[in-house]
N, C-alpha and C. Protein backbone atom coordinates (compact mmCIF):
# COMPACT_ATOMS: atom_id res chain seq x y z
N MET A 1 -27.90 -4.88 27.73
CA MET A 1 -27.08 -5.61 26.88
C MET A 1 -25.65 -5.55 27.42
N PRO A 2 -24.86 -6.57 27.65
CA PRO A 2 -23.56 -6.55 28.25
C PRO A 2 -22.53 -5.86 27.23
N PRO A 3 -21.66 -5.11 27.83
CA PRO A 3 -20.62 -4.46 26.90
C PRO A 3 -19.94 -5.46 26.04
N ASN A 4 -19.58 -6.67 26.56
CA ASN A 4 -18.84 -7.56 25.69
C ASN A 4 -19.61 -8.01 24.51
N ALA A 5 -20.93 -8.26 24.71
CA ALA A 5 -21.84 -8.59 23.60
C ALA A 5 -22.02 -7.46 22.62
N TYR A 6 -22.04 -6.25 23.07
CA TYR A 6 -22.11 -5.08 22.23
C TYR A 6 -20.88 -4.94 21.42
N ALA A 7 -19.62 -5.07 21.97
CA ALA A 7 -18.46 -5.10 21.20
C ALA A 7 -18.38 -6.17 20.24
N LYS A 8 -18.92 -7.33 20.59
CA LYS A 8 -18.93 -8.52 19.69
C LYS A 8 -19.66 -8.19 18.26
N TRP A 9 -20.69 -7.35 18.46
CA TRP A 9 -21.42 -6.98 17.22
C TRP A 9 -20.88 -5.71 16.55
N VAL A 10 -20.45 -4.86 17.35
CA VAL A 10 -20.01 -3.51 16.79
C VAL A 10 -18.61 -3.57 16.18
N ALA A 11 -17.68 -4.24 16.69
CA ALA A 11 -16.43 -4.33 16.16
C ALA A 11 -16.36 -4.94 14.73
N PRO A 12 -16.99 -6.07 14.44
CA PRO A 12 -17.00 -6.58 13.14
C PRO A 12 -17.80 -5.66 12.16
N ALA A 13 -18.83 -4.92 12.59
CA ALA A 13 -19.53 -4.00 11.81
C ALA A 13 -18.62 -2.86 11.33
N ILE A 14 -17.86 -2.39 12.29
CA ILE A 14 -16.96 -1.25 11.93
C ILE A 14 -15.87 -1.77 11.02
N LEU A 15 -15.31 -2.96 11.18
CA LEU A 15 -14.26 -3.56 10.39
C LEU A 15 -14.85 -3.74 8.97
N PHE A 16 -16.06 -4.19 8.88
CA PHE A 16 -16.78 -4.52 7.60
C PHE A 16 -16.93 -3.16 6.91
N PHE A 17 -17.35 -2.09 7.57
CA PHE A 17 -17.57 -0.81 6.98
C PHE A 17 -16.23 -0.31 6.39
N PHE A 18 -15.21 -0.37 7.18
CA PHE A 18 -13.89 0.06 6.68
C PHE A 18 -13.44 -0.69 5.49
N LEU A 19 -13.73 -2.00 5.51
CA LEU A 19 -13.25 -2.82 4.42
C LEU A 19 -13.99 -2.45 3.15
N CYS A 20 -15.27 -2.16 3.25
CA CYS A 20 -16.11 -1.78 2.11
C CYS A 20 -15.57 -0.44 1.57
N VAL A 21 -15.18 0.44 2.42
CA VAL A 21 -14.68 1.76 2.04
C VAL A 21 -13.36 1.58 1.30
N ALA A 22 -12.46 0.82 1.97
CA ALA A 22 -11.18 0.60 1.34
C ALA A 22 -11.29 -0.10 -0.03
N LEU A 23 -12.31 -1.05 -0.10
CA LEU A 23 -12.47 -1.75 -1.35
C LEU A 23 -12.97 -0.81 -2.41
N GLY A 24 -13.86 0.07 -2.03
CA GLY A 24 -14.33 1.02 -2.95
C GLY A 24 -13.32 2.00 -3.47
N PHE A 25 -12.42 2.44 -2.62
CA PHE A 25 -11.32 3.35 -3.02
C PHE A 25 -10.39 2.45 -3.95
N TRP A 26 -10.13 1.25 -3.65
CA TRP A 26 -9.15 0.44 -4.42
C TRP A 26 -9.72 0.19 -5.77
N THR A 27 -10.99 -0.15 -5.94
CA THR A 27 -11.59 -0.48 -7.25
C THR A 27 -11.65 0.78 -8.01
N HIS A 28 -11.84 1.97 -7.30
CA HIS A 28 -11.97 3.25 -8.03
C HIS A 28 -10.59 3.62 -8.58
N LYS A 29 -9.51 3.26 -7.82
CA LYS A 29 -8.25 3.55 -8.34
C LYS A 29 -7.86 2.66 -9.48
N LEU A 30 -8.37 1.33 -9.45
CA LEU A 30 -8.10 0.43 -10.50
C LEU A 30 -8.89 0.89 -11.86
N ARG A 31 -10.04 1.47 -11.69
CA ARG A 31 -10.78 1.91 -12.82
C ARG A 31 -10.18 3.12 -13.36
N HIS A 32 -9.61 4.06 -12.48
CA HIS A 32 -8.97 5.33 -12.94
C HIS A 32 -7.55 5.31 -12.28
N PRO A 33 -6.66 4.70 -13.07
CA PRO A 33 -5.29 4.47 -12.55
C PRO A 33 -4.59 5.78 -12.11
N ALA A 34 -4.67 6.79 -13.08
CA ALA A 34 -4.08 8.11 -12.72
C ALA A 34 -4.99 9.24 -13.26
N PRO A 35 -5.15 10.26 -12.42
CA PRO A 35 -5.97 11.39 -12.80
C PRO A 35 -5.37 12.13 -14.00
N ALA A 36 -6.09 12.38 -14.94
CA ALA A 36 -5.58 13.06 -16.09
C ALA A 36 -5.13 14.43 -15.69
N PRO A 37 -4.00 14.92 -16.26
CA PRO A 37 -3.54 16.32 -15.95
C PRO A 37 -4.62 17.30 -16.42
N PRO A 38 -4.99 18.36 -15.66
CA PRO A 38 -6.04 19.25 -16.03
C PRO A 38 -5.60 20.08 -17.25
N ALA A 39 -6.46 20.14 -18.19
CA ALA A 39 -6.06 20.95 -19.46
C ALA A 39 -6.02 22.48 -19.11
N ALA A 40 -5.11 23.15 -19.79
CA ALA A 40 -5.06 24.62 -19.51
C ALA A 40 -6.31 25.31 -19.78
N SER A 41 -7.05 25.63 -18.71
CA SER A 41 -8.33 26.27 -18.84
C SER A 41 -8.20 27.78 -19.07
N PRO A 42 -9.04 28.33 -19.89
CA PRO A 42 -8.98 29.66 -20.35
C PRO A 42 -9.14 30.66 -19.05
N THR A 43 -9.79 30.13 -18.01
CA THR A 43 -10.05 30.94 -16.89
C THR A 43 -8.82 31.19 -16.10
N LEU A 44 -7.83 30.22 -16.16
CA LEU A 44 -6.59 30.34 -15.45
C LEU A 44 -5.63 31.35 -16.18
N LYS A 45 -5.76 31.48 -17.35
CA LYS A 45 -4.85 32.40 -18.16
C LYS A 45 -5.07 33.90 -17.92
């Protein structure tokens, strides 16, 4: 398999993977806009 054909298939696959990861983080942040401040746990006192 020629290297240029390999890159033609691998580059879009990597870009698609990173796009899915970024989309996952983005939608996760939209669902949880800000992490709630941790309540004062009795173990820390």
